[in-house]
N, C-alpha and C. Protein backbone atom coordinates (compact mmCIF):
# COMPACT_ATOMS: atom_id res chain seq x y z
N LYS A 1 7.02 51.06 -14.18
CA LYS A 1 8.89 51.41 -14.71
C LYS A 1 8.63 49.61 -14.70
N GLY A 2 8.75 48.74 -14.37
CA GLY A 2 8.34 47.44 -13.71
C GLY A 2 9.90 46.93 -13.90
N PHE A 3 10.56 45.91 -13.46
CA PHE A 3 11.58 45.41 -12.86
C PHE A 3 12.74 44.19 -14.27
N ARG A 4 14.09 44.63 -14.00
CA ARG A 4 14.90 45.28 -15.25
C ARG A 4 16.14 44.15 -14.41
N GLY A 5 16.93 42.69 -15.03
CA GLY A 5 18.07 42.49 -14.76
C GLY A 5 17.81 41.79 -13.92
N LEU A 6 18.58 40.82 -14.13
CA LEU A 6 18.08 39.07 -13.35
C LEU A 6 17.39 39.12 -11.32
N ASP A 7 18.60 40.26 -10.99
CA ASP A 7 18.32 39.93 -9.76
C ASP A 7 16.75 41.23 -9.34
N ALA A 8 16.34 41.59 -9.89
CA ALA A 8 15.11 43.06 -9.99
C ALA A 8 14.42 41.28 -10.09
N VAL A 9 13.86 40.86 -10.86
CA VAL A 9 13.60 39.73 -11.72
C VAL A 9 12.95 38.24 -10.78
N SER A 10 14.35 38.05 -10.44
CA SER A 10 14.28 37.06 -9.57
C SER A 10 13.27 37.09 -8.09
N GLN A 11 14.06 38.79 -7.49
CA GLN A 11 13.58 39.03 -5.46
C GLN A 11 12.23 39.83 -6.23
N PHE A 12 11.67 39.86 -7.25
CA PHE A 12 10.07 40.32 -7.91
C PHE A 12 9.62 38.02 -7.60
N TRP A 13 10.58 37.64 -8.06
CA TRP A 13 9.13 35.99 -8.08
C TRP A 13 9.19 35.20 -6.92
N ASP A 14 10.57 36.02 -6.23
CA ASP A 14 10.35 34.89 -4.73
C ASP A 14 9.32 35.75 -3.85
N ARG A 15 9.32 37.04 -3.37
CA ARG A 15 7.39 38.23 -3.36
C ARG A 15 7.73 37.93 -3.91
N ALA A 16 6.93 37.48 -5.00
CA ALA A 16 4.99 38.78 -5.44
C ALA A 16 4.39 36.74 -5.93
N ILE A 17 5.58 35.52 -6.85
CA ILE A 17 5.35 35.21 -7.63
C ILE A 17 5.14 33.25 -6.83
N ALA A 18 6.39 32.89 -6.46
CA ALA A 18 7.07 31.67 -6.01
C ALA A 18 5.43 31.59 -4.52
N THR A 19 5.33 32.11 -3.77
CA THR A 19 4.40 31.51 -2.93
C THR A 19 3.23 31.85 -2.84
N SER A 20 2.32 32.09 -4.41
CA SER A 20 0.76 32.78 -4.37
C SER A 20 1.30 31.35 -5.35
N THR A 21 -0.48 31.78 -5.69
CA THR A 21 -1.14 30.92 -6.98
C THR A 21 -1.26 32.23 -7.90
N ILE A 22 -1.44 31.30 -9.06
CA ILE A 22 -2.11 32.12 -10.23
C ILE A 22 -2.75 31.68 -11.39
N ARG A 23 -3.98 32.24 -11.98
CA ARG A 23 -5.13 31.67 -12.62
C ARG A 23 -5.43 32.83 -13.66
N ILE A 24 -4.96 31.60 -15.16
CA ILE A 24 -5.20 32.59 -16.02
C ILE A 24 -6.08 32.38 -17.51
N GLN A 25 -6.79 33.73 -16.78
CA GLN A 25 -7.80 33.70 -18.39
C GLN A 25 -7.24 34.52 -19.33
N THR A 26 -8.00 33.78 -19.91
CA THR A 26 -7.10 34.39 -21.84
C THR A 26 -8.36 34.69 -22.37
N HIS A 27 -8.40 36.06 -23.06
CA HIS A 27 -9.82 36.08 -23.30
C HIS A 27 -9.16 36.13 -25.23
N GLU A 28 -7.86 36.65 -25.70
CA GLU A 28 -7.78 36.95 -27.69
C GLU A 28 -6.25 36.31 -27.51
N SER A 29 -5.42 35.38 -28.21
CA SER A 29 -3.94 35.61 -27.99
C SER A 29 -4.00 36.23 -29.54
N PHE A 30 -2.38 36.44 -30.12
CA PHE A 30 -2.10 36.51 -30.54
C PHE A 30 -0.72 36.68 -31.60
N VAL A 31 -0.03 36.07 -32.06
CA VAL A 31 1.06 35.02 -32.69
C VAL A 31 2.05 35.86 -33.80
N ALA A 32 3.17 35.87 -34.18
CA ALA A 32 3.77 37.13 -35.16
C ALA A 32 5.02 36.18 -34.84
N GLY A 33 5.33 34.84 -35.95
CA GLY A 33 7.10 34.95 -35.50
C GLY A 33 6.75 33.27 -34.48
N LEU A 34 8.19 34.64 -33.60
CA LEU A 34 8.39 34.15 -31.89
C LEU A 34 8.14 34.95 -30.89
N GLU A 35 7.04 36.59 -31.57
CA GLU A 35 6.16 36.72 -30.54
C GLU A 35 4.78 36.64 -30.40
N SER A 36 4.69 37.06 -29.09
CA SER A 36 3.02 36.99 -29.04
C SER A 36 2.23 37.72 -28.06
N ALA A 37 1.25 37.85 -28.49
CA ALA A 37 0.27 38.88 -27.62
C ALA A 37 -0.49 38.73 -27.33
N HIS A 38 -1.44 38.79 -26.06
CA HIS A 38 -2.44 38.07 -25.15
C HIS A 38 -3.49 38.86 -23.81
N VAL A 39 -4.47 39.25 -24.36
CA VAL A 39 -5.33 39.17 -23.80
C VAL A 39 -6.36 38.77 -22.32
N LEU A 40 -5.55 39.89 -21.15
CA LEU A 40 -5.18 37.99 -20.20
C LEU A 40 -5.67 38.68 -18.97
N THR A 41 -6.74 38.00 -18.68
CA THR A 41 -7.20 37.99 -16.69
C THR A 41 -6.47 37.27 -15.79
N LEU A 42 -5.74 38.05 -14.94
CA LEU A 42 -4.04 37.11 -14.61
C LEU A 42 -5.35 37.47 -12.75
N THR A 43 -5.40 36.65 -11.97
CA THR A 43 -5.49 36.79 -10.45
C THR A 43 -4.53 35.46 -9.68
N THR A 44 -4.03 36.62 -8.51
CA THR A 44 -2.83 35.57 -8.23
C THR A 44 -3.93 36.23 -6.46
N SER A 45 -3.53 34.55 -5.93
CA SER A 45 -4.05 34.40 -4.00
C SER A 45 -2.71 34.26 -3.98
N PHE A 46 -3.07 35.00 -2.65
CA PHE A 46 -1.80 34.72 -2.20
C PHE A 46 -2.50 34.36 -0.55
N PRO A 47 -0.84 33.80 0.35
CA PRO A 47 -1.04 32.90 1.14
C PRO A 47 -1.60 33.53 2.32
N ASN A 48 -1.84 35.08 2.01
CA ASN A 48 -2.78 35.27 3.04
C ASN A 48 -4.85 35.28 2.71
N GLY A 49 -4.43 34.39 1.13
CA GLY A 49 -6.21 35.43 1.42
C GLY A 49 -6.36 36.26 0.61
N VAL A 50 -6.06 36.88 0.07
CA VAL A 50 -5.75 37.66 -0.58
C VAL A 50 -5.79 37.81 -2.31
N LYS A 51 -6.90 38.27 -3.25
CA LYS A 51 -6.80 37.99 -4.24
C LYS A 51 -6.82 38.53 -5.18
N VAL A 52 -5.46 39.04 -5.47
CA VAL A 52 -5.85 40.54 -6.81
C VAL A 52 -6.11 39.75 -8.33
N GLY A 53 -6.98 40.44 -9.42
CA GLY A 53 -6.83 40.97 -9.77
C GLY A 53 -6.45 41.70 -11.59
N VAL A 54 -5.96 41.50 -12.23
CA VAL A 54 -5.56 42.64 -13.39
C VAL A 54 -5.74 42.17 -14.35
N HIS A 55 -6.46 42.38 -15.57
CA HIS A 55 -7.30 42.17 -17.18
C HIS A 55 -5.45 43.57 -17.45
N GLY A 56 -5.03 42.54 -19.04
CA GLY A 56 -3.95 43.30 -19.10
C GLY A 56 -3.33 42.91 -20.48
N ILE A 57 -2.80 43.72 -21.61
CA ILE A 57 -2.28 42.74 -22.52
C ILE A 57 -0.76 42.97 -22.15
N PHE A 58 -0.06 40.91 -22.61
CA PHE A 58 0.92 39.86 -21.96
C PHE A 58 2.42 39.93 -23.03
N THR A 59 3.01 40.64 -23.11
CA THR A 59 3.64 40.07 -25.10
C THR A 59 4.77 39.55 -24.07
N TYR A 60 5.40 38.68 -24.75
CA TYR A 60 6.25 37.80 -25.33
C TYR A 60 7.31 37.41 -26.44
N ARG A 61 8.24 36.88 -26.29
CA ARG A 61 9.36 36.51 -27.28
C ARG A 61 9.91 35.75 -26.67
N VAL A 62 10.28 34.60 -27.32
CA VAL A 62 11.13 33.53 -27.35
C VAL A 62 12.13 33.24 -28.88
N ASN A 63 13.23 32.59 -28.40
CA ASN A 63 14.18 32.15 -29.33
C ASN A 63 14.28 31.31 -30.19
N GLU A 64 14.49 30.47 -30.93
CA GLU A 64 15.03 29.66 -32.24
C GLU A 64 14.99 28.14 -31.17
N ALA A 65 15.51 28.86 -30.29
CA ALA A 65 15.43 26.61 -29.41
C ALA A 65 13.82 27.22 -28.78
N GLY A 66 12.34 28.27 -28.47
CA GLY A 66 11.80 28.18 -28.04
C GLY A 66 11.76 29.17 -26.59
N LYS A 67 13.21 28.92 -25.67
CA LYS A 67 13.34 29.58 -24.34
C LYS A 67 13.03 31.82 -24.85
N LEU A 68 12.10 31.31 -23.82
CA LEU A 68 11.18 33.30 -23.27
C LEU A 68 12.91 33.49 -22.46
N VAL A 69 12.66 34.99 -24.04
CA VAL A 69 13.98 36.16 -23.72
C VAL A 69 13.45 37.47 -22.88
N HIS A 70 11.79 37.08 -23.45
CA HIS A 70 11.67 38.55 -23.22
C HIS A 70 10.15 37.81 -22.52
N LEU A 71 9.62 39.34 -21.96
CA LEU A 71 8.30 38.75 -21.46
C LEU A 71 8.05 40.30 -20.63
N ARG A 72 6.34 41.11 -20.64
CA ARG A 72 5.19 42.02 -20.90
C ARG A 72 4.49 42.39 -20.43
N GLY A 73 4.22 42.66 -20.27
CA GLY A 73 2.80 43.06 -18.86
C GLY A 73 2.50 44.22 -19.02
N TYR A 74 1.18 44.48 -19.32
CA TYR A 74 0.64 46.00 -20.04
C TYR A 74 -0.83 46.27 -18.88
N TRP A 75 -0.86 47.09 -17.88
CA TRP A 75 -2.37 47.67 -16.54
C TRP A 75 -2.12 48.15 -15.96
N GLN A 76 -2.96 48.58 -15.34
CA GLN A 76 -3.17 49.48 -14.69
C GLN A 76 -3.36 48.91 -13.48
N MET A 77 -2.76 49.28 -12.34
CA MET A 77 -2.37 49.26 -10.73
C MET A 77 -3.85 49.59 -10.60
N ALA A 78 -4.15 50.23 -10.90
CA ALA A 78 -5.65 51.14 -10.28
C ALA A 78 -7.01 50.24 -11.49
N ASP A 79 -6.49 49.93 -11.47
CA ASP A 79 -7.36 49.12 -11.95
C ASP A 79 -7.63 47.68 -11.58
N ALA A 80 -6.70 47.08 -10.42
CA ALA A 80 -6.69 46.01 -10.13
C ALA A 80 -7.85 45.64 -9.27
N ARG A 81 -7.90 45.12 -8.74
CA ARG A 81 -8.97 44.20 -7.92
C ARG A 81 -8.91 43.53 -7.07
N VAL A 82 -8.94 43.92 -6.37
CA VAL A 82 -8.09 43.22 -4.47
C VAL A 82 -9.24 42.34 -3.66
N GLU A 83 -9.50 41.80 -3.90
CA GLU A 83 -9.85 40.61 -2.71
C GLU A 83 -9.48 40.86 -1.20
N LYS A 84 -10.33 41.02 0.08
CA LYS A 84 -9.51 40.13 0.82
C LYS A 84 -10.41 39.26 1.54
N PRO A 85 -9.61 38.54 2.38
CA PRO A 85 -10.89 37.16 3.01
C PRO A 85 -11.85 37.86 3.86
């Protein structure tokens, strides 16, 4: 169901993003006005050495000032690739 609201997104960022490194491989990108959609593979490397890779579609919307106002990712956890050290 994702993370909704500033508190939930902040907690997700602090737990999953801020302490890890993310490699982004772009396969395709599409832009329409202030929105874009990208077919990406994200590989997240965690401090404990575990790597998790997901392949999916990620959408972004910015406002007139170019600031991100909306982000969505579509992928299946069941399809995630997990590599343990």
